[in-house]
Structures are given as C-alpha cells and as structure tokens.
Protein backbone atom coordinates (compact mmCIF):
# COMPACT_ATOMS: atom_id res chain seq x y z
CA MET A 1 8.11 -0.99 2.07
CA ASP A 2 5.59 -1.46 -0.75
CA ALA A 3 7.29 -4.34 -2.57
CA ILE A 4 9.64 -7.25 -2.02
CA ASN A 5 12.14 -8.38 -4.60
CA ILE A 6 11.95 -12.04 -5.59
CA GLY A 7 14.73 -12.55 -8.10
CA PRO A 8 14.10 -10.09 -10.95
CA LEU A 9 10.49 -9.52 -9.88
CA ALA A 10 9.13 -6.92 -7.49
CA LEU A 11 6.04 -8.30 -5.75
CA PRO A 12 3.69 -5.74 -4.15
CA VAL A 13 3.35 -6.34 -0.40
CA ARG A 14 -0.45 -6.34 -0.60
CA VAL A 15 -0.28 -9.25 -3.06
CA LEU A 16 2.29 -11.07 -0.95
CA ALA A 17 0.16 -10.64 2.18
CA ALA A 18 -2.92 -12.06 0.43
CA LEU A 19 -1.00 -15.05 -0.95
CA ALA A 20 0.58 -15.73 2.45
CA ALA A 21 -2.84 -15.62 4.12
CA ILE A 22 -4.32 -18.07 1.61
CA GLY A 23 -1.32 -20.34 2.09
CA ALA A 24 -1.66 -20.30 5.87
CA ALA A 25 -5.36 -21.09 5.69
CA ASN A 26 -4.75 -23.99 3.31
CA LEU A 27 -2.00 -25.43 5.49
CA THR A 28 -4.40 -25.37 8.41
CA VAL A 29 -7.12 -27.34 6.63
CA LEU A 30 -4.44 -29.70 5.28
CA TRP A 31 -3.41 -30.46 8.87
CA TRP A 32 -7.00 -31.21 9.80
CA ARG A 33 -7.44 -33.49 6.77
CA ARG A 34 -4.30 -35.49 7.53
CA ARG A 35 -4.66 -35.72 11.31
CA ARG A 36 -8.42 -35.81 11.78
CA GLN A 37 -9.67 -36.90 8.32
CA ILE A 38 -11.88 -33.81 8.03
CA ASP A 39 -11.87 -32.34 4.52
CA ALA A 40 -12.61 -28.62 4.74
CA ASP A 41 -10.95 -27.73 1.42
CA PRO A 42 -14.15 -27.20 -0.64
CA ALA A 43 -15.65 -24.94 2.02
CA LEU A 44 -12.44 -22.95 2.41
CA TRP A 45 -12.09 -22.34 -1.31
CA GLN A 46 -15.70 -21.16 -1.48
CA MET A 47 -14.87 -18.69 1.30
CA ILE A 48 -11.80 -17.47 -0.58
CA LEU A 49 -13.56 -17.21 -3.95
CA TRP A 50 -16.66 -15.39 -2.77
CA GLY A 51 -14.68 -13.20 -0.41
CA PHE A 52 -12.52 -12.17 -3.37
CA VAL A 53 -15.58 -11.44 -5.51
CA ALA A 54 -17.24 -9.43 -2.72
CA ALA A 55 -14.11 -7.36 -2.07
CA ARG A 56 -13.85 -6.48 -5.75
CA ALA A 57 -17.58 -5.78 -6.12
CA ALA A 58 -17.55 -3.42 -3.14
CA PHE A 59 -14.67 -1.43 -4.64
CA VAL A 60 -16.37 -1.24 -8.05
CA LEU A 61 -19.64 -0.04 -6.49
CA LYS A 62 -17.76 2.56 -4.46
CA HIS A 63 -16.15 3.96 -7.62
CA PHE A 64 -18.81 3.06 -10.15
CA GLU A 65 -18.59 6.39 -11.95
CA SER A 66 -14.93 5.74 -12.75
CA TYR A 67 -15.77 2.36 -14.26
CA ARG A 68 -18.92 3.44 -16.12
CA PRO A 69 -17.13 4.59 -19.33
CA ASP A 70 -15.45 1.18 -19.69
CA PRO A 71 -17.55 -1.52 -17.98
CA LEU A 72 -15.11 -4.31 -18.85
CA SER A 73 -12.48 -2.57 -16.70
CA MET A 74 -14.50 -3.73 -13.69
CA LEU A 75 -13.04 -7.19 -14.36
CA ASP A 76 -9.46 -5.96 -14.64
CA ILE A 77 -8.16 -6.79 -11.17
CA ARG A 78 -4.64 -5.65 -12.04
CA ASP A 79 -5.54 -2.28 -10.56
CA GLY A 80 -5.64 -3.93 -7.13
CA GLY A 81 -8.97 -2.35 -6.20
CA PHE A 82 -10.55 -4.31 -3.33
CA VAL A 83 -12.39 -3.53 -0.10
CA ALA A 84 -10.87 -5.96 2.40
CA PHE A 85 -13.61 -5.56 5.03
CA ALA A 86 -16.36 -6.54 2.56
CA GLY A 87 -14.40 -9.58 1.43
CA LEU A 88 -13.74 -10.78 4.96
CA LEU A 89 -17.39 -10.28 5.95
CA VAL A 90 -18.69 -12.39 3.07
CA ALA A 91 -16.00 -15.06 3.55
CA PHE A 92 -16.84 -15.41 7.23
CA ALA A 93 -20.56 -15.55 6.45
CA ILE A 94 -20.02 -18.41 4.02
CA GLY A 95 -17.77 -20.19 6.50
CA PHE A 96 -20.40 -19.79 9.20
CA GLU A 97 -23.06 -21.33 6.94
CA HIS A 98 -20.83 -24.31 6.12
CA ALA A 99 -20.09 -24.84 9.80
CA ARG A 100 -23.79 -24.63 10.65
CA ARG A 101 -24.65 -27.32 8.13
CA ALA A 102 -21.67 -29.55 8.96
CA PRO A 103 -20.55 -29.11 12.60
CA ALA A 104 -17.38 -31.13 11.92
CA LEU A 105 -16.11 -28.22 9.81
CA ARG A 106 -16.33 -25.68 12.61
CA ARG A 107 -12.88 -26.11 14.07
CA PRO A 108 -10.91 -26.47 10.81
CA LEU A 109 -12.64 -23.48 9.22
CA LEU A 110 -12.23 -21.38 12.35
CA GLY A 111 -8.58 -22.33 12.59
CA ALA A 112 -8.00 -21.59 8.88
CA SER A 113 -9.72 -18.22 9.19
CA LEU A 114 -7.72 -17.19 12.23
CA ALA A 115 -4.45 -18.34 10.65
CA GLY A 116 -5.17 -16.48 7.42
CA VAL A 117 -6.13 -13.23 9.13
CA ALA A 118 -3.14 -13.42 11.48
CA VAL A 119 -0.65 -13.95 8.65
CA TRP A 120 -2.26 -11.24 6.51
CA ALA A 121 -2.22 -8.73 9.37
CA GLY A 122 1.30 -9.68 10.42
CA THR A 123 2.71 -9.39 6.91
CA SER A 124 1.02 -6.04 6.35
CA PHE A 125 2.19 -4.68 9.70
CA ALA A 126 5.77 -5.84 9.14
CA ALA A 127 5.83 -4.13 5.75
CA PHE A 128 4.40 -0.93 7.25
CA ALA A 129 6.84 -0.97 10.17
CA GLY A 130 9.78 -1.44 7.83
CA GLY A 131 8.52 1.07 5.28
CA THR A 132 9.05 4.73 4.56
CA ALA A 133 5.79 6.18 5.88
CA ASN A 134 6.08 9.90 6.62
CA ALA A 135 9.44 10.05 4.84
CA PRO A 136 10.24 13.58 3.66
CA LEU A 137 10.27 14.60 0.03
CA PRO A 138 13.78 13.71 -1.22
CA ASP A 139 16.25 16.53 -1.78
CA VAL A 140 17.16 15.68 -5.37
CA ALA A 141 17.80 17.82 -8.43
CA LEU A 142 16.27 16.71 -11.73
CA LYS A 143 16.12 18.15 -15.25
CA ARG A 144 13.33 19.48 -17.39
CA LEU A 145 12.99 18.48 -21.02
CA ASP A 146 14.85 21.65 -22.05
CA GLY A 147 17.82 20.65 -19.88
CA ALA A 148 17.19 23.18 -17.09
CA GLU A 149 17.85 21.80 -13.62
CA VAL A 150 15.13 21.99 -10.97
CA ALA A 151 15.03 20.83 -7.36
CA LEU A 152 12.05 18.64 -6.51
CA HIS A 153 11.49 20.79 -3.41
CA ALA A 154 10.87 23.78 -5.67
CA LEU A 155 7.57 22.21 -6.70
CA SER A 156 6.36 21.53 -3.15
CA GLY A 157 4.19 23.66 -0.87
CA LYS A 158 0.95 21.84 -1.61
CA PRO A 159 -0.07 18.20 -1.82
CA MET A 160 2.04 16.41 -4.40
CA VAL A 161 1.72 13.29 -6.52
CA VAL A 162 5.06 12.04 -7.88
CA ASN A 163 4.93 9.40 -10.59
CA LEU A 164 8.08 7.42 -11.50
CA TRP A 165 7.71 6.01 -15.00
CA ALA A 166 9.39 5.10 -18.30
CA THR A 167 8.22 4.95 -21.92
CA TRP A 168 9.19 1.24 -22.20
CA CYS A 169 6.89 0.31 -19.31
CA PRO A 170 3.39 -0.85 -20.50
CA PRO A 171 1.61 -0.21 -17.15
CA CYS A 172 3.18 3.27 -17.06
CA ARG A 173 1.77 4.05 -20.50
CA ARG A 174 -1.67 2.70 -19.61
CA GLU A 175 -2.05 4.84 -16.49
CA MET A 176 -0.63 8.05 -17.96
CA PRO A 177 -3.91 9.37 -19.49
CA ALA A 178 -5.69 9.04 -16.13
CA LEU A 179 -2.86 10.84 -14.35
CA GLY A 180 -2.92 13.58 -16.99
CA GLN A 181 -6.66 14.04 -16.52
CA ALA A 182 -6.21 14.19 -12.75
CA GLN A 183 -3.52 16.84 -13.13
CA ALA A 184 -5.88 19.00 -15.18
CA ALA A 185 -8.79 18.44 -12.76
CA HIS A 186 -6.84 19.13 -9.55
CA PRO A 187 -4.77 22.31 -9.80
CA GLU A 188 -4.59 22.34 -6.00
CA VAL A 189 -2.29 19.29 -6.19
CA ALA A 190 1.16 19.32 -7.78
CA PHE A 191 1.58 16.38 -10.17
CA VAL A 192 5.18 15.59 -11.05
CA PHE A 193 6.11 13.01 -13.69
CA VAL A 194 9.68 11.79 -13.26
CA ASN A 195 10.96 9.73 -16.17
CA GLN A 196 13.52 7.12 -15.21
CA GLY A 197 16.74 6.70 -17.19
CA GLU A 198 15.66 8.07 -20.58
CA ASP A 199 16.70 11.16 -22.53
CA GLY A 200 14.58 14.16 -23.40
CA LYS A 201 14.32 13.27 -27.09
CA THR A 202 12.84 9.85 -26.32
CA VAL A 203 10.35 11.24 -23.81
CA SER A 204 9.28 14.16 -26.04
CA ALA A 205 8.71 11.83 -28.99
CA TYR A 206 6.58 9.52 -26.85
CA LEU A 207 4.43 12.36 -25.48
CA ALA A 208 3.92 13.82 -28.95
CA GLY A 209 2.95 10.44 -30.36
CA GLN A 210 0.38 9.91 -27.59
CA GLY A 211 -0.95 13.46 -27.65
CA LEU A 212 -0.16 13.90 -23.95
CA LYS A 213 0.38 17.33 -22.44
CA LEU A 214 1.80 17.11 -18.93
CA ASP A 215 3.13 19.79 -16.62
CA ASN A 216 6.14 19.18 -14.36
CA LEU A 217 7.70 16.50 -16.50
CA LEU A 218 11.24 15.83 -15.29
CA LEU A 219 14.11 13.56 -16.28
CA ASP A 220 16.02 11.38 -13.82
CA ALA A 221 18.80 9.89 -15.94
CA SER A 222 20.73 8.56 -12.93
CA PHE A 223 17.71 7.07 -11.07
CA ALA A 224 18.44 9.35 -8.09
CA LEU A 225 14.78 9.62 -7.06
CA ALA A 226 14.24 5.86 -7.34
CA ARG A 227 17.17 5.24 -5.00
CA ALA A 228 16.10 7.96 -2.55
CA THR A 229 12.54 6.57 -2.34
CA GLU A 230 13.55 2.89 -2.39
CA THR A 231 11.43 2.30 -5.47
CA LYS A 232 11.49 -1.35 -6.55
CA GLY A 233 9.60 -1.22 -9.85
CA TYR A 234 7.66 0.95 -12.26
CA PRO A 235 5.30 2.60 -12.27
CA THR A 236 5.43 3.78 -8.68
CA THR A 237 3.34 6.72 -7.52
CA LEU A 238 4.14 8.61 -4.32
CA PHE A 239 1.62 10.80 -2.49
CA TYR A 240 2.94 13.65 -0.31
CA ASP A 241 1.00 16.04 1.90
CA SER A 242 1.43 19.81 1.82
CA HIS A 243 4.29 19.52 4.33
CA GLY A 244 6.27 17.23 2.04
CA LYS A 245 5.65 14.06 4.07
CA LEU A 246 4.93 10.77 2.34
CA VAL A 247 1.40 9.60 3.17
CA ALA A 248 0.92 6.79 0.64
CA ARG A 249 2.65 4.96 -2.18
CA HIS A 250 1.44 2.62 -4.89
CA MET A 251 3.57 0.30 -6.96
CA GLY A 252 1.95 -0.79 -10.19
CA GLU A 253 -0.67 0.59 -12.51
CA LEU A 254 -3.21 3.02 -11.07
CA SER A 255 -6.73 2.74 -12.48
CA PRO A 256 -8.93 5.87 -12.56
CA ALA A 257 -10.88 4.41 -9.62
CA GLN A 258 -7.79 3.82 -7.50
CA LEU A 259 -6.40 7.23 -8.37
CA ARG A 260 -9.70 8.81 -7.38
CA GLU A 261 -9.59 7.05 -4.00
CA ARG A 262 -5.99 8.15 -3.40
CA MET A 263 -6.84 11.74 -4.32
CA GLU A 264 -9.77 11.80 -1.91
CA ALA A 265 -7.51 10.58 0.88
CA LEU A 266 -4.79 13.08 -0.04
CA ARG A 267 -7.17 16.04 0.02
C-alpha cells in the first residue's frame, strides 16, 4: 500500500506516517504541559523544523548533480526527497542540547521522540505489510497508439519501469521529460508509459505538442492496470525487477533526483 484514500484524496503513506509521528510527539508534550506544567513545545518544534531541513539537505547533497541545472528545484519538496536518518540525527541532537540546558525538558522531549518514532515506524510497517511488495507483473493486455493489442508481459525480461499517467494530470506532465530522458539513457531497462482512460488521438496530440518521443506508450482505456496494481492516484510509477516482481512503487511526481535514486536501486 503506497497511499490511503481520504475522501476524494489519495494521501501517500510516507506523508501520512510523517504527519502521524508529528501528531504523536505533539500530543506527548501537550500531556506534559497540562499535567506537569512543563512547556516543551518550542524545543520540539525546533527539533521538527531542523530535522526536516537536514533530511532535505542530505537528499539534495546526495543528488546534487540532478539539482544543479535548476537550483530552485532544491526547494521543491513535492518530490518527497528526504534522508530520514539525517533528519532524525539532527533532531535528536537538537533535543539533546535543549535537555542539557534545561533538565526539566528531558522527559517530555524523550517521550515525544519515542512516541513519534514509534508511530512513524508502526505506520510505515503496517503499510508495507498490507502492501503489494513482490507482486508479479499483472497479466493485462493494453493497446498501442495504432490500436494493436500487446500484453504487458511481452515487454518484460529485464528491469521495468511502468508509469501510469494521463494528459490532464499536471504532475504527470511535469515528470514526463525526466522519464523520457531516463528511457533514452537506460536501454537496459524497459520503460512503459500506460495512459489511463484516454484515446489515442488525445495522447498523440499531447506528445506532439510537447515534443516528446517515448517508446512503449500504451493505452489503458478501461483502467485495467490501475485496478490490477491497486493504484490510488496519478502519476504512479512501478519498478519491477528482471523477474517481473514489484520492488518499489512511487505515487506522485518523480523529480530527476528521485528517479535517479530509484534507478540506482533497480539496477
């Protein structure tokens, strides 16, 4: 499971886990403020803020070459690029310093940290346990732009990246150039672009207008692949190994840096 539906919205599990962890930590310090009159809120929010900044900075430094052409994209956190370990390390260091200076904060900050980590880990594990890790490549038949039918399995035999997208989806359009560049740069990986619910004329016009040339572009008018893979929103990108087993999935826009990290793991 990579997302949870909340009404009409599909919330990525990684976002939900982070929000749940912050909520648990804040409830803990709230308890201490009400029962023991110890206000640890300012210290906790410093931990959260600087941990967030550190996690993002570590990811940007790791993939600096991908961000170099567009430095402002380093600030675009919609790509979800964070290094959790770096963020936790900095947050705990700041918490330790606050506790050293004000011993009364030790127990509330420790309790908030443990509660946050426990909820984050529990939410992530529950999503993983109830997910589709190692699921096989679905046995579905799709159509090419010329109307010819092709089985998705016919394109397997090597690592595969399957992108579910639509022309009306802004994040899909934003990530498409990076996916196209990756397809050209990695012939050892099969990239498959599966349009959801649109006709060939609409898709062809969009590609021509954007100057995009993509191989393995398929149409899924009945959303068969979305149902088979339990896709909750678009874009969703699925990563399969050479044996056709799902090894990772990402709901939402992929930045060049995130795509690069996924490709390294896939290879």
